[in-house]
Amino acid sequence: MKKTALVLSTLVLGLATLGSAQAATRLHDHVVEARAAQQRHWIATELHQHRLDAAQAASLREAVAAIEHDQHAIDARGREGVSQALAMSHRQDVLDWAIRAGRIDFEPQQIAALDATA
């Protein structure tokens, strides 16, 4: 009886841990999507205020789409690891900076090259 209770407790704890990991992955997906929406808004604002030209805005939009695509690819492969989540967050941080700073020398490939694990 005690062994059965111990096994069941271990199983419940294991399932709760798995559920927490899946919830964390879903939460990170939502964060990536929300940040992408914010970045698209910033790009539109910077373009409207003439701090970015059309080519820069298009390049930045492509970078946003690439980050979203990479996140969906990670999701399709299964559970996202901590290093992948941090790499994705870092890529978005750099893109935030590029948009808000209006960097004319920005190249989206530089973001992808920052972390090969993304």
PDB file of N, CA and C in Angstrom:
ATOM      1  N   MET A   1       0.815  -1.192   0.000  1.00  0.00           N
ATOM      2  CA  MET A   1       0.000   0.000   0.000  1.00  0.00           C
ATOM      3  C   MET A   1       0.860   1.257   0.000  1.00  0.00           C
ATOM      4  N   LYS A   2       1.903   1.270   0.852  1.00  0.00           N
ATOM      5  CA  LYS A   2       2.768   2.435   0.912  1.00  0.00           C
ATOM      6  C   LYS A   2       3.528   2.614  -0.402  1.00  0.00           C
ATOM      7  N   LYS A   3       3.950   1.486  -1.001  1.00  0.00           N
ATOM      8  CA  LYS A   3       4.664   1.573  -2.275  1.00  0.00           C
ATOM      9  C   LYS A   3       3.758   2.143  -3.360  1.00  0.00           C
ATOM     10  N   THR A   4       2.513   1.730  -3.362  1.00  0.00           N
ATOM     11  CA  THR A   4       1.561   2.235  -4.350  1.00  0.00           C
ATOM     12  C   THR A   4       1.362   3.734  -4.176  1.00  0.00           C
ATOM     13  N   ALA A   5       1.216   4.173  -2.935  1.00  0.00           N
ATOM     14  CA  ALA A   5       1.044   5.604  -2.668  1.00  0.00           C
ATOM     15  C   ALA A   5       2.284   6.380  -3.095  1.00  0.00           C
ATOM     16  N   LEU A   6       3.462   5.824  -2.839  1.00  0.00           N
ATOM     17  CA  LEU A   6       4.712   6.480  -3.222  1.00  0.00           C
ATOM     18  C   LEU A   6       4.829   6.571  -4.742  1.00  0.00           C
ATOM     19  N   VAL A   7       4.497   5.499  -5.426  1.00  0.00           N
ATOM     20  CA  VAL A   7       4.549   5.489  -6.889  1.00  0.00           C
ATOM     21  C   VAL A   7       3.560   6.499  -7.459  1.00  0.00           C
ATOM     22  N   LEU A   8       2.342   6.513  -6.923  1.00  0.00           N
ATOM     23  CA  LEU A   8       1.340   7.465  -7.401  1.00  0.00           C
ATOM     24  C   LEU A   8       1.767   8.908  -7.128  1.00  0.00           C
ATOM     25  N   SER A   9       2.335   9.153  -5.956  1.00  0.00           N
ATOM     26  CA  SER A   9       2.813  10.503  -5.632  1.00  0.00           C
ATOM     27  C   SER A   9       3.920  10.929  -6.585  1.00  0.00           C
ATOM     28  N   THR A  10       4.830  10.021  -6.866  1.00  0.00           N
ATOM     29  CA  THR A  10       5.923  10.310  -7.794  1.00  0.00           C
ATOM     30  C   THR A  10       5.382  10.583  -9.189  1.00  0.00           C
ATOM     31  N   LEU A  11       4.412   9.799  -9.608  1.00  0.00           N
ATOM     32  CA  LEU A  11       3.800   9.991 -10.921  1.00  0.00           C
ATOM     33  C   LEU A  11       3.099  11.344 -11.010  1.00  0.00           C
ATOM     34  N   VAL A  12       2.351  11.704  -9.985  1.00  0.00           N
ATOM     35  CA  VAL A  12       1.655  12.994  -9.968  1.00  0.00           C
ATOM     36  C   VAL A  12       2.662  14.133 -10.001  1.00  0.00           C
ATOM     37  N   LEU A  13       3.731  14.019  -9.216  1.00  0.00           N
ATOM     38  CA  LEU A  13       4.765  15.047  -9.195  1.00  0.00           C
ATOM     39  C   LEU A  13       5.440  15.165 -10.561  1.00  0.00           C
ATOM     40  N   GLY A  14       5.711  14.026 -11.178  1.00  0.00           N
ATOM     41  CA  GLY A  14       6.316  14.031 -12.514  1.00  0.00           C
ATOM     42  C   GLY A  14       5.421  14.691 -13.546  1.00  0.00           C
ATOM     43  N   LEU A  15       4.139  14.392 -13.501  1.00  0.00           N
ATOM     44  CA  LEU A  15       3.195  15.012 -14.435  1.00  0.00           C
ATOM     45  C   LEU A  15       3.059  16.509 -14.185  1.00  0.00           C
ATOM     46  N   ALA A  16       3.091  16.909 -12.924  1.00  0.00           N
ATOM     47  CA  ALA A  16       3.011  18.339 -12.599  1.00  0.00           C
ATOM     48  C   ALA A  16       4.234  19.071 -13.134  1.00  0.00           C
ATOM     49  N   THR A  17       5.403  18.443 -13.004  1.00  0.00           N
ATOM     50  CA  THR A  17       6.628  19.047 -13.525  1.00  0.00           C
ATOM     51  C   THR A  17       6.555  19.173 -15.035  1.00  0.00           C
ATOM     52  N   LEU A  18       6.094  18.124 -15.704  1.00  0.00           N
ATOM     53  CA  LEU A  18       5.947  18.167 -17.157  1.00  0.00           C
ATOM     54  C   LEU A  18       4.963  19.256 -17.552  1.00  0.00           C
ATOM     55  N   GLY A  19       3.864  19.355 -16.839  1.00  0.00           N
ATOM     56  CA  GLY A  19       2.886  20.400 -17.119  1.00  0.00           C
ATOM     57  C   GLY A  19       3.475  21.785 -16.947  1.00  0.00           C
ATOM     58  N   SER A  20       4.304  21.965 -15.923  1.00  0.00           N
ATOM     59  CA  SER A  20       4.946  23.261 -15.700  1.00  0.00           C
ATOM     60  C   SER A  20       5.896  23.595 -16.839  1.00  0.00           C
ATOM     61  N   ALA A  21       6.646  22.607 -17.312  1.00  0.00           N
ATOM     62  CA  ALA A  21       7.572  22.841 -18.421  1.00  0.00           C
ATOM     63  C   ALA A  21       6.808  23.220 -19.681  1.00  0.00           C
ATOM     64  N   GLN A  22       5.700  22.533 -19.936  1.00  0.00           N
ATOM     65  CA  GLN A  22       4.892  22.859 -21.114  1.00  0.00           C
ATOM     66  C   GLN A  22       4.263  24.235 -20.975  1.00  0.00           C
ATOM     67  N   ALA A  23       3.836  24.575 -19.769  1.00  0.00           N
ATOM     68  CA  ALA A  23       3.253  25.897 -19.540  1.00  0.00           C
ATOM     69  C   ALA A  23       4.302  26.984 -19.744  1.00  0.00           C
ATOM     70  N   ALA A  24       5.529  26.730 -19.300  1.00  0.00           N
ATOM     71  CA  ALA A  24       6.603  27.708 -19.487  1.00  0.00           C
ATOM     72  C   ALA A  24       6.900  27.901 -20.966  1.00  0.00           C
ATOM     73  N   THR A  25       6.892  26.820 -21.728  1.00  0.00           N
ATOM     74  CA  THR A  25       7.131  26.918 -23.169  1.00  0.00           C
ATOM     75  C   THR A  25       6.020  27.716 -23.834  1.00  0.00           C
ATOM     76  N   ARG A  26       4.774  27.437 -23.466  1.00  0.00           N
ATOM     77  CA  ARG A  26       3.653  28.196 -24.039  1.00  0.00           C
ATOM     78  C   ARG A  26       3.739  29.668 -23.658  1.00  0.00           C
ATOM     79  N   LEU A  27       4.128  29.940 -22.420  1.00  0.00           N
ATOM     80  CA  LEU A  27       4.275  31.325 -21.979  1.00  0.00           C
ATOM     81  C   LEU A  27       5.341  32.034 -22.808  1.00  0.00           C
ATOM     82  N   HIS A  28       6.469  31.356 -23.028  1.00  0.00           N
ATOM     83  CA  HIS A  28       7.526  31.975 -23.831  1.00  0.00           C
ATOM     84  C   HIS A  28       7.053  32.213 -25.261  1.00  0.00           C
ATOM     85  N   ASP A  29       6.269  31.303 -25.808  1.00  0.00           N
ATOM     86  CA  ASP A  29       5.702  31.506 -27.149  1.00  0.00           C
ATOM     87  C   ASP A  29       4.869  32.783 -27.187  1.00  0.00           C
ATOM     88  N   HIS A  30       4.052  32.976 -26.159  1.00  0.00           N
ATOM     89  CA  HIS A  30       3.208  34.177 -26.102  1.00  0.00           C
ATOM     90  C   HIS A  30       4.053  35.438 -25.971  1.00  0.00           C
ATOM     91  N   VAL A  31       5.132  35.349 -25.211  1.00  0.00           N
ATOM     92  CA  VAL A  31       6.029  36.499 -25.058  1.00  0.00           C
ATOM     93  C   VAL A  31       6.667  36.844 -26.396  1.00  0.00           C
ATOM     94  N   VAL A  32       7.145  35.830 -27.125  1.00  0.00           N
ATOM     95  CA  VAL A  32       7.751  36.062 -28.441  1.00  0.00           C
ATOM     96  C   VAL A  32       6.739  36.725 -29.367  1.00  0.00           C
ATOM     97  N   GLU A  33       5.507  36.222 -29.382  1.00  0.00           N
ATOM     98  CA  GLU A  33       4.474  36.793 -30.252  1.00  0.00           C
ATOM     99  C   GLU A  33       4.128  38.226 -29.854  1.00  0.00           C
ATOM    100  N   ALA A  34       4.026  38.483 -28.554  1.00  0.00           N
ATOM    101  CA  ALA A  34       3.703  39.837 -28.093  1.00  0.00           C
ATOM    102  C   ALA A  34       4.829  40.811 -28.426  1.00  0.00           C
ATOM    103  N   ARG A  35       6.073  40.366 -28.242  1.00  0.00           N
ATOM    104  CA  ARG A  35       7.202  41.234 -28.576  1.00  0.00           C
ATOM    105  C   ARG A  35       7.247  41.498 -30.070  1.00  0.00           C
ATOM    106  N   ALA A  36       6.948  40.494 -30.877  1.00  0.00           N
ATOM    107  CA  ALA A  36       6.943  40.683 -32.333  1.00  0.00           C
ATOM    108  C   ALA A  36       5.886  41.708 -32.729  1.00  0.00           C
ATOM    109  N   ALA A  37       4.721  41.630 -32.110  1.00  0.00           N
ATOM    110  CA  ALA A  37       3.667  42.609 -32.404  1.00  0.00           C
ATOM    111  C   ALA A  37       4.120  44.015 -32.012  1.00  0.00           C
ATOM    112  N   GLN A  38       4.766  44.128 -30.861  1.00  0.00           N
ATOM    113  CA  GLN A  38       5.271  45.427 -30.419  1.00  0.00           C
ATOM    114  C   GLN A  38       6.348  45.940 -31.381  1.00  0.00           C
ATOM    115  N   GLN A  39       7.222  45.045 -31.817  1.00  0.00           N
ATOM    116  CA  GLN A  39       8.280  45.448 -32.749  1.00  0.00           C
ATOM    117  C   GLN A  39       7.698  45.928 -34.073  1.00  0.00           C
ATOM    118  N   ARG A  40       6.678  45.224 -34.572  1.00  0.00           N
ATOM    119  CA  ARG A  40       6.039  45.678 -35.811  1.00  0.00           C
ATOM    120  C   ARG A  40       5.419  47.064 -35.627  1.00  0.00           C
ATOM    121  N   HIS A  41       4.831  47.308 -34.459  1.00  0.00           N
ATOM    122  CA  HIS A  41       4.260  48.622 -34.156  1.00  0.00           C
ATOM    123  C   HIS A  41       5.360  49.684 -34.130  1.00  0.00           C
ATOM    124  N   TRP A  42       6.475  49.385 -33.481  1.00  0.00           N
ATOM    125  CA  TRP A  42       7.588  50.337 -33.421  1.00  0.00           C
ATOM    126  C   TRP A  42       8.129  50.646 -34.812  1.00  0.00           C
ATOM    127  N   ILE A  43       8.249  49.609 -35.638  1.00  0.00           N
ATOM    128  CA  ILE A  43       8.754  49.819 -37.003  1.00  0.00           C
ATOM    129  C   ILE A  43       7.824  50.758 -37.755  1.00  0.00           C
ATOM    130  N   ALA A  44       6.523  50.510 -37.656  1.00  0.00           N
ATOM    131  CA  ALA A  44       5.550  51.374 -38.337  1.00  0.00           C
ATOM    132  C   ALA A  44       5.647  52.809 -37.827  1.00  0.00           C
ATOM    133  N   THR A  45       5.792  52.969 -36.519  1.00  0.00           N
ATOM    134  CA  THR A  45       5.905  54.308 -35.934  1.00  0.00           C
ATOM    135  C   THR A  45       7.172  55.006 -36.409  1.00  0.00           C
ATOM    136  N   GLU A  46       8.290  54.301 -36.371  1.00  0.00           N
ATOM    137  CA  GLU A  46       9.567  54.891 -36.800  1.00  0.00           C
ATOM    138  C   GLU A  46       9.526  55.246 -38.285  1.00  0.00           C
ATOM    139  N   LEU A  47       8.881  54.427 -39.087  1.00  0.00           N
ATOM    140  CA  LEU A  47       8.739  54.708 -40.515  1.00  0.00           C
ATOM    141  C   LEU A  47       7.856  55.937 -40.718  1.00  0.00           C
ATOM    142  N   HIS A  48       6.753  55.993 -40.011  1.00  0.00           N
ATOM    143  CA  HIS A  48       5.826  57.123 -40.120  1.00  0.00           C
ATOM    144  C   HIS A  48       6.500  58.437 -39.708  1.00  0.00           C
ATOM    145  N   GLN A  49       7.386  58.364 -38.721  1.00  0.00           N
ATOM    146  CA  GLN A  49       8.075  59.565 -38.243  1.00  0.00           C
ATOM    147  C   GLN A  49       9.384  59.829 -39.001  1.00  0.00           C
ATOM    148  N   HIS A  50       9.600  59.078 -40.068  1.00  0.00           N
ATOM    149  CA  HIS A  50      10.753  59.253 -40.963  1.00  0.00           C
ATOM    150  C   HIS A  50      12.099  59.027 -40.277  1.00  0.00           C
ATOM    151  N   ARG A  51      12.106  58.192 -39.246  1.00  0.00           N
ATOM    152  CA  ARG A  51      13.377  57.819 -38.626  1.00  0.00           C
ATOM    153  C   ARG A  51      13.929  56.543 -39.247  1.00  0.00           C
ATOM    154  N   LEU A  52      13.097  55.866 -40.016  1.00  0.00           N
ATOM    155  CA  LEU A  52      13.504  54.715 -40.823  1.00  0.00           C
ATOM    156  C   LEU A  52      13.002  54.958 -42.229  1.00  0.00           C
ATOM    157  N   ASP A  53      13.772  54.482 -43.214  1.00  0.00           N
ATOM    158  CA  ASP A  53      13.252  54.550 -44.577  1.00  0.00           C
ATOM    159  C   ASP A  53      12.553  53.226 -44.895  1.00  0.00           C
ATOM    160  N   ALA A  54      11.938  53.153 -46.061  1.00  0.00           N
ATOM    161  CA  ALA A  54      11.140  51.969 -46.420  1.00  0.00           C
ATOM    162  C   ALA A  54      11.988  50.703 -46.467  1.00  0.00           C
ATOM    163  N   ALA A  55      13.207  50.803 -46.980  1.00  0.00           N
ATOM    164  CA  ALA A  55      14.076  49.625 -47.071  1.00  0.00           C
ATOM    165  C   ALA A  55      14.467  49.125 -45.679  1.00  0.00           C
ATOM    166  N   GLN A  56      14.784  50.047 -44.783  1.00  0.00           N
ATOM    167  CA  GLN A  56      15.129  49.650 -43.418  1.00  0.00           C
ATOM    168  C   GLN A  56      13.935  49.001 -42.727  1.00  0.00           C
ATOM    169  N   ALA A  57      12.768  49.596 -42.901  1.00  0.00           N
ATOM    170  CA  ALA A  57      11.563  49.042 -42.283  1.00  0.00           C
ATOM    171  C   ALA A  57      11.294  47.632 -42.802  1.00  0.00           C
ATOM    172  N   ALA A  58      11.453  47.436 -44.103  1.00  0.00           N
ATOM    173  CA  ALA A  58      11.238  46.102 -44.680  1.00  0.00           C
ATOM    174  C   ALA A  58      12.243  45.103 -44.116  1.00  0.00           C
ATOM    175  N   SER A  59      13.491  45.525 -43.991  1.00  0.00           N
ATOM    176  CA  SER A  59      14.529  44.656 -43.451  1.00  0.00           C
ATOM    177  C   SER A  59      14.228  44.279 -42.001  1.00  0.00           C
ATOM    178  N   LEU A  60      13.793  45.245 -41.225  1.00  0.00           N
ATOM    179  CA  LEU A  60      13.458  44.978 -39.827  1.00  0.00           C
ATOM    180  C   LEU A  60      12.230  44.083 -39.710  1.00  0.00           C
ATOM    181  N   ARG A  61      11.239  44.287 -40.573  1.00  0.00           N
ATOM    182  CA  ARG A  61      10.052  43.410 -40.566  1.00  0.00           C
ATOM    183  C   ARG A  61      10.447  41.971 -40.893  1.00  0.00           C
ATOM    184  N   GLU A  62      11.373  41.808 -41.831  1.00  0.00           N
ATOM    185  CA  GLU A  62      11.860  40.463 -42.166  1.00  0.00           C
ATOM    186  C   GLU A  62      12.550  39.823 -40.965  1.00  0.00           C
ATOM    187  N   ALA A  63      13.307  40.624 -40.216  1.00  0.00           N
ATOM    188  CA  ALA A  63      13.980  40.096 -39.026  1.00  0.00           C
ATOM    189  C   ALA A  63      12.964  39.651 -37.979  1.00  0.00           C
ATOM    190  N   VAL A  64      11.907  40.422 -37.796  1.00  0.00           N
ATOM    191  CA  VAL A  64      10.835  40.048 -36.863  1.00  0.00           C
ATOM    192  C   VAL A  64      10.209  38.726 -37.312  1.00  0.00           C
ATOM    193  N   ALA A  65       9.914  38.617 -38.589  1.00  0.00           N
ATOM    194  CA  ALA A  65       9.302  37.393 -39.125  1.00  0.00           C
ATOM    195  C   ALA A  65      10.237  36.198 -38.973  1.00  0.00           C
ATOM    196  N   ALA A  66      11.533  36.413 -39.165  1.00  0.00           N
ATOM    197  CA  ALA A  66      12.499  35.321 -39.026  1.00  0.00           C
ATOM    198  C   ALA A  66      12.543  34.807 -37.588  1.00  0.00           C
ATOM    199  N   ILE A  67      12.488  35.711 -36.629  1.00  0.00           N
ATOM    200  CA  ILE A  67      12.490  35.300 -35.225  1.00  0.00           C
ATOM    201  C   ILE A  67      11.225  34.504 -34.915  1.00  0.00           C
ATOM    202  N   GLU A  68      10.084  34.980 -35.385  1.00  0.00           N
ATOM    203  CA  GLU A  68       8.831  34.239 -35.169  1.00  0.00           C
ATOM    204  C   GLU A  68       8.894  32.863 -35.829  1.00  0.00           C
ATOM    205  N   HIS A  69       9.411  32.803 -37.039  1.00  0.00           N
ATOM    206  CA  HIS A  69       9.537  31.529 -37.757  1.00  0.00           C
ATOM    207  C   HIS A  69      10.429  30.568 -36.978  1.00  0.00           C
ATOM    208  N   ASP A  70      11.559  31.072 -36.487  1.00  0.00           N
ATOM    209  CA  ASP A  70      12.471  30.221 -35.725  1.00  0.00           C
ATOM    210  C   ASP A  70      11.813  29.702 -34.450  1.00  0.00           C
ATOM    211  N   GLN A  71      11.011  30.541 -33.795  1.00  0.00           N
ATOM    212  CA  GLN A  71      10.311  30.102 -32.585  1.00  0.00           C
ATOM    213  C   GLN A  71       9.314  28.996 -32.920  1.00  0.00           C
ATOM    214  N   HIS A  72       8.590  29.141 -34.014  1.00  0.00           N
ATOM    215  CA  HIS A  72       7.638  28.099 -34.420  1.00  0.00           C
ATOM    216  C   HIS A  72       8.372  26.806 -34.777  1.00  0.00           C
ATOM    217  N   ALA A  73       9.550  26.914 -35.374  1.00  0.00           N
ATOM    218  CA  ALA A  73      10.337  25.724 -35.709  1.00  0.00           C
ATOM    219  C   ALA A  73      10.793  25.008 -34.437  1.00  0.00           C
ATOM    220  N   ILE A  74      11.194  25.771 -33.433  1.00  0.00           N
ATOM    221  CA  ILE A  74      11.577  25.176 -32.149  1.00  0.00           C
ATOM    222  C   ILE A  74      10.380  24.452 -31.543  1.00  0.00           C
ATOM    223  N   ASP A  75       9.219  25.081 -31.591  1.00  0.00           N
ATOM    224  CA  ASP A  75       8.002  24.467 -31.048  1.00  0.00           C
ATOM    225  C   ASP A  75       7.676  23.159 -31.760  1.00  0.00           C
ATOM    226  N   ALA A  76       7.860  23.142 -33.067  1.00  0.00           N
ATOM    227  CA  ALA A  76       7.543  21.943 -33.852  1.00  0.00           C
ATOM    228  C   ALA A  76       8.468  20.779 -33.504  1.00  0.00           C
ATOM    229  N   ARG A  77       9.694  21.092 -33.095  1.00  0.00           N
ATOM    230  CA  ARG A  77      10.653  20.040 -32.738  1.00  0.00           C
ATOM    231  C   ARG A  77      10.402  19.473 -31.348  1.00  0.00           C
ATOM    232  N   GLY A  78       9.649  20.172 -30.533  1.00  0.00           N
ATOM    233  CA  GLY A  78       9.392  19.683 -29.180  1.00  0.00           C
ATOM    234  C   GLY A  78       9.717  20.739 -28.151  1.00  0.00           C
ATOM    235  N   ARG A  79      10.013  20.276 -26.959  1.00  0.00           N
ATOM    236  CA  ARG A  79      10.247  21.202 -25.841  1.00  0.00           C
ATOM    237  C   ARG A  79      11.422  22.127 -26.100  1.00  0.00           C
ATOM    238  N   GLU A  80      11.214  23.376 -25.743  1.00  0.00           N
ATOM    239  CA  GLU A  80      12.249  24.391 -25.886  1.00  0.00           C
ATOM    240  C   GLU A  80      13.137  24.367 -24.644  1.00  0.00           C
ATOM    241  N   GLY A  81      14.443  24.383 -24.859  1.00  0.00           N
ATOM    242  CA  GLY A  81      15.375  24.413 -23.744  1.00  0.00           C
ATOM    243  C   GLY A  81      15.627  25.836 -23.266  1.00  0.00           C
ATOM    244  N   VAL A  82      16.230  25.937 -22.104  1.00  0.00           N
ATOM    245  CA  VAL A  82      16.531  27.245 -21.530  1.00  0.00           C
ATOM    246  C   VAL A  82      17.469  28.023 -22.445  1.00  0.00           C
ATOM    247  N   SER A  83      18.487  27.358 -22.980  1.00  0.00           N
ATOM    248  CA  SER A  83      19.439  28.063 -23.849  1.00  0.00           C
ATOM    249  C   SER A  83      18.748  28.599 -25.101  1.00  0.00           C
ATOM    250  N   GLN A  84      17.803  27.839 -25.643  1.00  0.00           N
ATOM    251  CA  GLN A  84      17.068  28.314 -26.818  1.00  0.00           C
ATOM    252  C   GLN A  84      16.188  29.507 -26.462  1.00  0.00           C
ATOM    253  N   ALA A  85      15.537  29.452 -25.318  1.00  0.00           N
ATOM    254  CA  ALA A  85      14.681  30.566 -24.893  1.00  0.00           C
ATOM    255  C   ALA A  85      15.509  31.824 -24.671  1.00  0.00           C
ATOM    256  N   LEU A  86      16.667  31.672 -24.038  1.00  0.00           N
ATOM    257  CA  LEU A  86      17.536  32.829 -23.810  1.00  0.00           C
ATOM    258  C   LEU A  86      18.074  33.394 -25.119  1.00  0.00           C
ATOM    259  N   ALA A  87      18.439  32.513 -26.044  1.00  0.00           N
ATOM    260  CA  ALA A  87      18.941  32.972 -27.344  1.00  0.00           C
ATOM    261  C   ALA A  87      17.863  33.741 -28.097  1.00  0.00           C
ATOM    262  N   MET A  88      16.641  33.238 -28.060  1.00  0.00           N
ATOM    263  CA  MET A  88      15.542  33.912 -28.746  1.00  0.00           C
ATOM    264  C   MET A  88      15.280  35.278 -28.109  1.00  0.00           C
ATOM    265  N   SER A  89      15.307  35.316 -26.797  1.00  0.00           N
ATOM    266  CA  SER A  89      15.101  36.580 -26.093  1.00  0.00           C
ATOM    267  C   SER A  89      16.207  37.577 -26.435  1.00  0.00           C
ATOM    268  N   HIS A  90      17.430  37.088 -26.512  1.00  0.00           N
ATOM    269  CA  HIS A  90      18.555  37.963 -26.856  1.00  0.00           C
ATOM    270  C   HIS A  90      18.403  38.523 -28.268  1.00  0.00           C
ATOM    271  N   ARG A  91      18.002  37.680 -29.196  1.00  0.00           N
ATOM    272  CA  ARG A  91      17.779  38.152 -30.566  1.00  0.00           C
ATOM    273  C   ARG A  91      16.724  39.253 -30.586  1.00  0.00           C
ATOM    274  N   GLN A  92      15.659  39.069 -29.809  1.00  0.00           N
ATOM    275  CA  GLN A  92      14.618  40.094 -29.769  1.00  0.00           C
ATOM    276  C   GLN A  92      15.108  41.366 -29.081  1.00  0.00           C
ATOM    277  N   ASP A  93      15.958  41.225 -28.072  1.00  0.00           N
ATOM    278  CA  ASP A  93      16.532  42.407 -27.419  1.00  0.00           C
ATOM    279  C   ASP A  93      17.350  43.231 -28.409  1.00  0.00           C
ATOM    280  N   VAL A  94      18.178  42.556 -29.198  1.00  0.00           N
ATOM    281  CA  VAL A  94      19.000  43.255 -30.186  1.00  0.00           C
ATOM    282  C   VAL A  94      18.111  43.916 -31.234  1.00  0.00           C
ATOM    283  N   LEU A  95      17.068  43.224 -31.645  1.00  0.00           N
ATOM    284  CA  LEU A  95      16.152  43.801 -32.627  1.00  0.00           C
ATOM    285  C   LEU A  95      15.415  45.009 -32.039  1.00  0.00           C
ATOM    286  N   ASP A  96      15.014  44.928 -30.768  1.00  0.00           N
ATOM    287  CA  ASP A  96      14.407  46.091 -30.102  1.00  0.00           C
ATOM    288  C   ASP A  96      15.339  47.295 -30.204  1.00  0.00           C
ATOM    289  N   TRP A  97      16.604  47.063 -29.880  1.00  0.00           N
ATOM    290  CA  TRP A  97      17.596  48.138 -29.922  1.00  0.00           C
ATOM    291  C   TRP A  97      17.724  48.696 -31.337  1.00  0.00           C
ATOM    292  N   ALA A  98      17.815  47.824 -32.323  1.00  0.00           N
ATOM    293  CA  ALA A  98      17.986  48.274 -33.710  1.00  0.00           C
ATOM    294  C   ALA A  98      16.806  49.132 -34.161  1.00  0.00           C
ATOM    295  N   ILE A  99      15.616  48.736 -33.781  1.00  0.00           N
ATOM    296  CA  ILE A  99      14.418  49.495 -34.171  1.00  0.00           C
ATOM    297  C   ILE A  99      14.401  50.845 -33.471  1.00  0.00           C
ATOM    298  N   ARG A 100      14.558  50.829 -32.157  1.00  0.00           N
ATOM    299  CA  ARG A 100      14.434  52.063 -31.378  1.00  0.00           C
ATOM    300  C   ARG A 100      15.594  53.023 -31.629  1.00  0.00           C
ATOM    301  N   ALA A 101      16.774  52.494 -31.953  1.00  0.00           N
ATOM    302  CA  ALA A 101      17.933  53.352 -32.210  1.00  0.00           C
ATOM    303  C   ALA A 101      17.943  53.858 -33.648  1.00  0.00           C
ATOM    304  N   GLY A 102      17.098  53.265 -34.493  1.00  0.00           N
ATOM    305  CA  GLY A 102      17.067  53.656 -35.898  1.00  0.00           C
ATOM    306  C   GLY A 102      18.402  53.429 -36.578  1.00  0.00           C
ATOM    307  N   ARG A 103      19.018  52.305 -36.261  1.00  0.00           N
ATOM    308  CA  ARG A 103      20.350  52.020 -36.784  1.00  0.00           C
ATOM    309  C   ARG A 103      20.295  51.799 -38.289  1.00  0.00           C
ATOM    310  N   ILE A 104      20.950  52.682 -39.033  1.00  0.00           N
ATOM    311  CA  ILE A 104      20.944  52.539 -40.484  1.00  0.00           C
ATOM    312  C   ILE A 104      21.910  51.465 -40.949  1.00  0.00           C
ATOM    313  N   ASP A 105      22.843  51.059 -40.085  1.00  0.00           N
ATOM    314  CA  ASP A 105      23.805  50.021 -40.454  1.00  0.00           C
ATOM    315  C   ASP A 105      23.355  48.639 -40.000  1.00  0.00           C
ATOM    316  N   PHE A 106      22.125  48.529 -39.532  1.00  0.00           N
ATOM    317  CA  PHE A 106      21.618  47.264 -39.025  1.00  0.00           C
ATOM    318  C   PHE A 106      21.447  46.251 -40.148  1.00  0.00           C
ATOM    319  N   GLU A 107      21.875  45.050 -39.909  1.00  0.00           N
ATOM    320  CA  GLU A 107      21.665  43.937 -40.835  1.00  0.00           C
ATOM    321  C   GLU A 107      21.002  42.800 -40.061  1.00  0.00           C
ATOM    322  N   PRO A 108      19.842  42.330 -40.491  1.00  0.00           N
ATOM    323  CA  PRO A 108      19.157  41.250 -39.768  1.00  0.00           C
ATOM    324  C   PRO A 108      20.010  39.997 -39.605  1.00  0.00           C
ATOM    325  N   GLN A 109      20.915  39.748 -40.536  1.00  0.00           N
ATOM    326  CA  GLN A 109      21.757  38.563 -40.441  1.00  0.00           C
ATOM    327  C   GLN A 109      22.638  38.614 -39.195  1.00  0.00           C
ATOM    328  N   GLN A 110      22.952  39.828 -38.735  1.00  0.00           N
ATOM    329  CA  GLN A 110      23.773  39.961 -37.539  1.00  0.00           C
ATOM    330  C   GLN A 110      23.061  39.379 -36.326  1.00  0.00           C
ATOM    331  N   ILE A 111      21.762  39.538 -36.267  1.00  0.00           N
ATOM    332  CA  ILE A 111      21.005  38.985 -35.142  1.00  0.00           C
ATOM    333  C   ILE A 111      21.061  37.466 -35.180  1.00  0.00           C
ATOM    334  N   ALA A 112      20.812  36.887 -36.330  1.00  0.00           N
ATOM    335  CA  ALA A 112      20.823  35.428 -36.441  1.00  0.00           C
ATOM    336  C   ALA A 112      22.202  34.871 -36.130  1.00  0.00           C
ATOM    337  N   ALA A 113      23.247  35.621 -36.463  1.00  0.00           N
ATOM    338  CA  ALA A 113      24.609  35.159 -36.217  1.00  0.00           C
ATOM    339  C   ALA A 113      25.006  35.279 -34.751  1.00  0.00           C
ATOM    340  N   LEU A 114      24.257  36.055 -33.977  1.00  0.00           N
ATOM    341  CA  LEU A 114      24.611  36.246 -32.572  1.00  0.00           C
ATOM    342  C   LEU A 114      24.564  34.943 -31.799  1.00  0.00           C
ATOM    343  N   ASP A 115      23.636  34.093 -32.150  1.00  0.00           N
ATOM    344  CA  ASP A 115      23.509  32.843 -31.423  1.00  0.00           C
ATOM    345  C   ASP A 115      23.054  31.752 -32.373  1.00  0.00           C
ATOM    346  N   ALA A 116      23.936  30.844 -32.649  1.00  0.00           N
ATOM    347  CA  ALA A 116      23.637  29.774 -33.604  1.00  0.00           C
ATOM    348  C   ALA A 116      22.645  28.770 -33.038  1.00  0.00           C
ATOM    349  N   THR A 117      22.359  28.818 -31.730  1.00  0.00           N
ATOM    350  CA  THR A 117      21.425  27.856 -31.140  1.00  0.00           C
ATOM    351  C   THR A 117      19.981  28.257 -31.342  1.00  0.00           C
ATOM    352  N   ALA A 118      19.755  29.484 -31.793  1.00  0.00           N
ATOM    353  CA  ALA A 118      18.376  29.957 -31.945  1.00  0.00           C
ATOM    354  C   ALA A 118      17.710  29.337 -33.139  1.00  0.00           C
TER     355      ALA A 118
END
